[in-house]
């Protein structure tokens, strides 16, 4: 995710270094990531993720997602 988010400081931050630390600081991490993703349009993020080999798509409504 460092390549996608362009925030190497997040990986070095003790609050986010391990999974348990990320879980403990989930709300802060969600806020940070949300700010990053809302900074650029959807098409930018689709290109970034596809360029890294991820299979991606978009949905117009959260209700359209099925798990």
Protein backbone atom coordinates (compact mmCIF):
# COMPACT_ATOMS: atom_id res chain seq x y z
CA UNK A 1 0.00 0.00 0.00
CA UNK A 2 2.97 2.32 0.37
CA UNK A 3 3.14 2.53 -3.45
CA UNK A 4 -0.54 3.37 -3.67
CA UNK A 5 -0.86 5.82 -0.80
CA UNK A 6 2.54 7.49 -1.25
CA UNK A 7 2.80 7.77 2.53
CA UNK A 8 5.87 5.83 3.69
CA UNK A 9 5.53 7.52 7.06
CA UNK A 10 2.47 5.37 7.78
CA UNK A 11 4.51 2.17 7.56
CA UNK A 12 7.13 3.55 9.95
CA UNK A 13 4.54 4.86 12.42
CA UNK A 14 4.28 2.61 15.50
CA UNK A 15 0.49 3.04 15.45
CA UNK A 16 0.26 1.21 12.12
CA UNK A 17 3.32 -1.08 12.06
CA UNK A 18 1.54 -4.29 13.03
CA UNK A 19 -1.95 -5.60 12.44
CA UNK A 20 -2.80 -5.35 16.14
CA UNK A 21 -1.56 -1.75 16.19
CA UNK A 22 -3.65 -0.94 13.11
CA UNK A 23 -6.71 -2.49 14.74
CA UNK A 24 -6.13 -0.49 17.92
CA UNK A 25 -5.81 2.71 15.85
CA UNK A 26 -8.39 1.80 13.23
CA UNK A 27 -10.41 5.02 13.36
CA UNK A 28 -7.37 7.20 12.83
CA UNK A 29 -6.13 5.00 9.98
CA UNK A 30 -9.55 5.04 8.30
CA UNK A 31 -9.61 8.85 8.53
CA UNK A 32 -6.12 9.13 6.99
CA UNK A 33 -6.84 6.69 4.17
CA UNK A 34 -10.22 8.30 3.46
CA UNK A 35 -8.57 11.70 3.11
CA UNK A 36 -6.01 10.24 0.69
CA UNK A 37 -8.61 8.51 -1.48
CA UNK A 38 -10.95 11.51 -1.62
CA UNK A 39 -8.09 13.74 -2.74
CA UNK A 40 -8.10 12.31 -6.28
CA UNK A 41 -10.89 11.15 -8.61
CA UNK A 42 -12.00 7.54 -8.89
CA UNK A 43 -10.39 7.05 -12.30
CA UNK A 44 -6.99 7.97 -10.85
CA UNK A 45 -7.27 5.23 -8.23
CA UNK A 46 -8.50 2.66 -10.74
CA UNK A 47 -5.42 3.30 -12.89
CA UNK A 48 -3.08 3.15 -9.90
CA UNK A 49 -4.43 -0.17 -8.65
CA UNK A 50 -4.65 -1.71 -12.14
CA UNK A 51 -1.09 -0.56 -12.84
CA UNK A 52 0.02 -2.57 -9.81
CA UNK A 53 -1.77 -5.68 -11.06
CA UNK A 54 -4.83 -5.53 -8.81
CA UNK A 55 -8.21 -6.54 -10.18
CA UNK A 56 -10.44 -3.55 -9.50
CA UNK A 57 -13.85 -2.19 -10.34
CA UNK A 58 -16.13 0.49 -8.97
CA UNK A 59 -19.67 0.63 -7.74
CA UNK A 60 -21.98 3.59 -7.65
CA UNK A 61 -23.71 2.67 -4.39
CA UNK A 62 -22.44 0.86 -1.34
CA UNK A 63 -25.76 -1.03 -1.33
CA UNK A 64 -24.74 -2.57 -4.68
CA UNK A 65 -21.89 -4.46 -3.02
CA UNK A 66 -22.46 -8.09 -2.18
CA UNK A 67 -20.26 -10.10 0.14
